[in-house]
Protein backbone atom coordinates (compact mmCIF):
# COMPACT_ATOMS: atom_id res chain seq x y z
CA MET A 1 21.58 12.60 201.54
CA LYS A 2 18.03 12.61 199.90
CA TYR A 3 16.63 15.30 202.85
CA LEU A 4 19.81 17.40 202.54
CA ILE A 5 18.95 17.60 198.55
CA MET A 6 15.17 18.32 199.24
CA LEU A 7 16.32 21.00 202.14
CA LEU A 8 18.73 22.74 199.64
CA LEU A 9 16.44 22.90 196.74
CA LEU A 10 13.61 24.54 199.23
CA LEU A 11 16.25 27.09 200.17
CA SER A 12 17.16 27.83 196.78
CA TRP A 13 13.25 28.41 195.75
CA HIS A 14 12.84 30.82 198.83
CA ALA A 15 16.34 32.52 197.83
CA SER A 16 14.51 32.88 194.30
CA ALA A 17 10.80 33.99 195.19
CA CYS A 18 10.00 37.43 194.96
CA THR A 19 7.06 39.91 194.76
CA PHE A 20 6.15 42.12 192.18
CA THR A 21 3.73 45.34 192.79
CA MET A 22 1.45 46.23 190.18
CA GLY A 23 -0.22 49.41 190.23
CA TYR A 24 -3.46 50.59 188.98
CA ARG A 25 -5.81 53.25 188.82
CA LEU A 26 -8.93 53.29 191.61
CA SER A 27 -11.48 53.11 188.73
CA GLU A 28 -12.54 49.92 186.95
CA ARG A 29 -11.39 48.62 183.29
CA LEU A 30 -13.90 45.49 182.93
CA PRO A 31 -13.02 42.70 182.30
CA LEU A 32 -9.32 43.50 183.02
CA ILE A 33 -9.98 44.67 186.65
CA ASN A 34 -12.67 45.84 188.51
CA ALA A 35 -12.97 49.05 190.68
CA ALA A 36 -10.92 49.37 193.64
CA PRO A 37 -10.37 47.65 196.48
CA ASN A 38 -11.46 44.82 193.99
CA ASN A 39 -8.54 43.72 191.79
CA ASP A 40 -10.17 40.80 190.23
CA GLY A 41 -10.24 40.45 186.59
CA LEU A 42 -8.15 39.36 183.66
CA TYR A 43 -4.84 41.35 184.68
CA LYS A 44 -4.83 39.85 188.25
CA GLU A 45 -5.03 35.84 187.16
CA LEU A 46 -2.70 36.89 183.95
CA TYR A 47 0.32 38.18 185.78
CA SER A 48 -0.41 35.88 188.88
CA THR A 49 -0.14 32.99 186.55
CA ALA A 50 2.89 34.47 184.96
CA LEU A 51 4.97 35.22 188.12
CA GLU A 52 4.13 32.03 189.60
CA LYS A 53 6.05 30.22 186.74
CA ILE A 54 9.07 32.52 187.79
CA ASN A 55 8.66 31.69 191.53
CA CYS A 56 7.06 34.91 192.45
CA LYS A 57 3.80 36.52 193.48
CA LEU A 58 1.84 39.66 192.49
CA LYS A 59 0.93 42.44 194.76
CA ILE A 60 -1.60 44.97 193.55
CA ILE A 61 -1.71 48.72 194.71
CA ARG A 62 -4.77 50.95 193.79
CA GLU A 63 -4.41 54.70 193.97
CA PRO A 64 -5.20 57.52 192.13
CA LYS A 65 -3.15 57.25 188.75
CA ARG A 66 -1.02 60.11 189.44
CA ARG A 67 0.12 58.82 192.72
CA ILE A 68 1.05 55.61 190.72
CA LEU A 69 3.13 57.24 188.03
CA LYS A 70 5.17 58.97 190.72
CA LYS A 71 5.83 55.54 192.57
CA ILE A 72 6.82 53.91 189.58
CA GLY A 73 9.28 56.49 188.89
CA SER A 74 10.77 56.00 192.49
CA GLY A 75 10.51 52.10 192.24
CA LYS A 76 8.22 51.60 194.89
CA ILE A 77 5.52 49.95 192.17
CA ASP A 78 7.20 47.78 189.68
CA PHE A 79 4.66 47.90 187.03
CA TYR A 80 1.73 49.21 185.07
CA PRO A 81 0.06 46.61 183.05
CA GLY A 82 -1.58 48.62 180.13
CA PHE A 83 1.02 51.72 179.91
CA THR A 84 0.71 54.16 177.00
CA PHE A 85 4.11 54.63 175.47
CA SER A 86 5.51 58.55 175.61
CA LYS A 87 8.78 59.76 175.55
CA GLU A 88 8.45 61.44 178.78
CA ARG A 89 7.51 57.97 180.47
CA ALA A 90 10.17 56.04 178.71
CA LYS A 91 12.32 58.44 181.22
CA TYR A 92 11.51 56.23 184.08
CA ALA A 93 9.82 53.07 182.59
CA TYR A 94 10.79 50.31 180.25
CA PHE A 95 7.92 49.03 177.98
CA PHE A 96 7.39 45.78 176.75
CA GLU A 97 4.37 43.76 175.23
CA ASN A 98 2.08 42.93 177.63
CA GLY A 99 0.83 39.65 176.21
CA LEU A 100 -2.70 41.53 175.03
CA GLU A 101 -3.75 43.53 171.87
CA MET A 102 -6.13 46.46 171.79
CA SER A 103 -8.12 48.51 168.89
CA PHE A 104 -9.63 51.61 169.75
CA LEU A 105 -13.52 52.74 168.87
CA ALA A 106 -15.46 56.11 169.26
CA ILE A 107 -18.94 55.99 170.76
CA SER A 108 -21.30 59.39 170.75
CA SER A 109 -24.67 60.31 171.28
CA LEU A 110 -27.45 59.49 168.44
CA SER A 111 -27.18 62.91 167.16
CA GLN A 112 -23.40 62.58 166.04
CA PRO A 113 -22.95 61.86 162.55
CA THR A 114 -21.32 58.54 161.75
CA ILE A 115 -17.74 58.51 161.42
CA SER A 116 -15.04 56.23 159.86
CA ARG A 117 -11.90 57.92 160.07
CA ILE A 118 -9.88 59.94 162.62
CA GLU A 119 -10.04 62.63 160.24
CA GLN A 120 -13.76 62.93 160.66
CA LEU A 121 -12.93 64.32 164.45
CA ARG A 122 -12.04 67.90 163.16
CA SER A 123 -13.48 70.47 165.39
CA LYS A 124 -15.15 67.78 167.77
CA ILE A 125 -14.62 67.52 171.49
CA ILE A 126 -12.87 64.38 172.56
CA LEU A 127 -13.05 62.69 175.70
CA ILE A 128 -10.01 60.63 176.54
CA ALA A 129 -8.97 59.34 179.89
CA GLN A 130 -5.98 61.33 181.84
CA GLY A 131 -2.83 59.65 180.14
CA GLY A 132 -4.63 57.59 177.75
CA PRO A 133 -3.30 57.91 173.74
CA THR A 134 -4.87 60.44 171.67
CA LEU A 135 -4.44 58.27 168.55
CA GLY A 136 -3.40 61.75 166.93
CA VAL A 137 -6.66 63.12 167.07
CA GLU A 138 -5.04 66.76 167.67
CA LYS A 139 -3.20 66.61 164.53
CA VAL A 140 -6.39 66.50 162.62
CA GLY A 141 -8.33 69.22 164.56
CA GLY A 142 -9.99 67.38 167.19
CA VAL A 143 -10.36 68.98 170.55
CA ILE A 144 -9.16 66.98 173.40
CA ARG A 145 -10.91 67.40 176.81
CA ARG A 146 -9.09 64.64 179.59
CA VAL A 147 -10.80 63.48 182.57
CA GLU A 148 -9.03 62.10 185.64
CA ASN A 149 -10.77 58.45 186.61
CA LEU A 150 -12.85 58.17 183.62
CA THR A 151 -15.04 55.45 183.13
CA ILE A 152 -17.06 54.01 180.21
CA GLU A 153 -20.35 54.95 182.58
CA SER A 154 -18.73 58.55 183.11
CA ALA A 155 -18.11 59.24 179.75
CA ILE A 156 -21.46 58.14 178.57
CA GLY A 157 -23.05 60.79 180.93
CA TYR A 158 -20.62 63.45 179.48
CA LEU A 159 -21.81 62.55 176.00
CA ASN A 160 -25.58 62.40 176.98
CA ARG A 161 -25.29 65.54 178.66
CA GLY A 162 -23.88 67.60 175.59
CA LYS A 163 -20.52 67.95 177.34
CA ALA A 164 -18.36 66.29 174.63
CA ASP A 165 -19.15 65.17 171.25
CA PHE A 166 -17.09 61.49 171.31
CA TYR A 167 -15.23 59.12 173.53
CA LEU A 168 -12.14 57.16 172.47
CA TYR A 169 -11.42 53.85 174.34
CA PRO A 170 -10.26 50.34 173.59
CA LYS A 171 -12.66 48.31 171.54
CA ALA A 172 -12.74 45.51 173.66
CA SER A 173 -13.52 47.07 176.90
CA ILE A 174 -16.37 49.27 175.19
CA ASP A 175 -17.93 46.44 173.41
CA TYR A 176 -17.85 44.31 176.99
CA TYR A 177 -19.71 47.02 178.54
CA LEU A 178 -22.02 47.59 176.01
CA LYS A 179 -22.89 44.21 175.91
CA ASN A 180 -23.78 44.20 179.63
CA ASN A 181 -25.09 47.36 179.74
CA PRO A 182 -27.04 48.29 176.62
CA GLN A 183 -27.29 51.90 176.11
CA PRO A 184 -29.96 52.50 173.00
CA GLN A 185 -28.89 56.18 173.40
CA ILE A 186 -25.01 55.64 172.27
CA LYS A 187 -23.79 54.53 168.95
CA SER A 188 -19.92 53.12 168.14
CA HIS A 189 -17.99 54.32 165.55
CA PRO A 190 -15.13 51.93 163.84
CA CYS A 191 -13.04 54.42 163.11
CA CYS A 192 -9.55 54.27 164.91
CA GLY A 193 -6.97 51.48 163.56
CA ASP A 194 -6.40 48.04 163.83
CA LYS A 195 -5.35 45.82 166.75
CA THR A 196 -1.81 46.73 168.20
CA PRO A 197 0.13 44.78 170.78
CA MET A 198 -0.64 46.81 174.31
CA LEU A 199 2.49 47.35 176.26
CA LEU A 200 3.56 47.29 179.96
CA GLY A 201 5.57 49.98 181.94
CA PHE A 202 8.08 48.45 184.08
CA SER A 203 9.88 50.69 186.60
CA LYS A 204 13.50 51.67 185.56
CA ALA A 205 13.89 52.27 189.45
CA SER A 206 12.59 48.70 189.95
CA VAL A 207 14.80 46.11 191.71
CA HIS A 208 13.84 43.48 189.54
CA LEU A 209 14.90 45.33 186.43
CA SER A 210 18.44 45.55 185.05
CA LEU A 211 19.05 46.99 181.84
CA SER A 212 22.14 47.28 179.37
CA ARG A 213 23.28 49.24 176.46
CA ASN A 214 21.31 48.29 172.84
CA ASN A 215 22.30 50.18 169.45
CA LEU A 216 19.02 48.50 167.69
CA ASP A 217 16.07 50.15 166.95
CA ILE A 218 13.21 47.89 168.00
CA GLY A 219 10.41 49.55 166.85
CA HIS A 220 7.65 51.20 169.17
CA ALA A 221 10.35 52.69 171.85
CA SER A 222 13.76 52.67 169.94
CA TYR A 223 15.48 51.89 173.35
CA ASP A 224 19.20 52.37 173.44
CA GLN A 225 18.86 50.06 176.36
CA VAL A 226 17.33 46.23 176.86
CA LEU A 227 16.60 44.13 179.53
CA GLU A 228 19.46 41.94 181.03
CA ARG A 229 18.94 38.30 181.01
CA LYS A 230 19.73 37.94 184.72
CA SER A 231 16.81 40.40 185.60
CA LYS A 232 13.15 39.02 187.04
CA ALA A 233 11.83 41.69 184.43
CA PHE A 234 13.29 39.85 181.93
CA ALA A 235 12.20 36.29 183.22
CA LEU A 236 8.46 38.08 183.14
CA GLN A 237 8.90 39.34 179.68
CA GLN A 238 10.01 35.93 178.46
CA ILE A 239 7.16 33.99 179.93
CA ILE A 240 4.63 36.31 178.76
CA GLN A 241 5.77 35.66 175.09
CA GLN A 242 5.61 31.97 175.94
CA MET A 243 1.95 32.48 177.11
CA LYS A 244 1.18 34.18 174.24
CA ALA A 245 2.64 31.68 171.69
CA ASP A 246 1.11 28.43 173.61
CA GLY A 247 -2.40 29.95 173.81
CA SER A 248 -2.99 30.33 177.48
CA ILE A 249 -3.40 33.88 177.27
CA ASP A 250 -5.52 33.77 174.45
CA LYS A 251 -7.77 31.11 176.70
CA LEU A 252 -7.74 33.68 179.49
CA TYR A 253 -9.01 36.13 177.16
CA GLN A 254 -11.69 34.20 175.78
CA LYS A 255 -12.87 33.12 179.60
CA TYR A 256 -13.11 36.99 180.55
CA TYR A 257 -14.47 38.84 177.35
CA GLN A 258 -16.97 36.20 176.03
């Protein structure tokens, strides 16, 4: 009888085991993820740990971002870990908080005047990674220049060559890069808002996601759909919230950023 119970438990675990595929562009975003094919970083440890708690495993695919987005749309990739919300993306991706927070920073060459507000970017050429948030720069008269697979290192090259005036990117990533790669010819501008939760984009075509109708306004997306409790995506969302509340994510953050 004892062995029968153990066998049933084992079979039950295997039946519920699953694999989530995370997609990410080829370039690095340290310390969240290294440049392909090296997937090490905070994202890998965070989501591997979270998925283990719901009897699932993490698989990571690295490809050009446009290809990744197409596979999220088709359900071949389950989620993108740090995804900027837009109405267009909401057609194929469901958004929820990924457990981390971010604020934005601008960097420039030393020749640029110091700025403290987005409005001061009027008429300036602003580098932004393809698919990254604009923070409303275009509304105040900034000229946006998007670049595919833009890294902090390549952005600094653009700035030093006079190909752009400022570069907007998450503050934690820029601070981490400049700490490990001092750039005396570059200065930072605390212009760009307070910390906000980062979002994860989950494929609406994924086998792990089920949605039901919702008539409530839930903030950033105002969705007419919510995650069904039976879905694995809901389980992941709940585990992320639990890890955020018990300090597990903060410990991981300190491990990678300090």
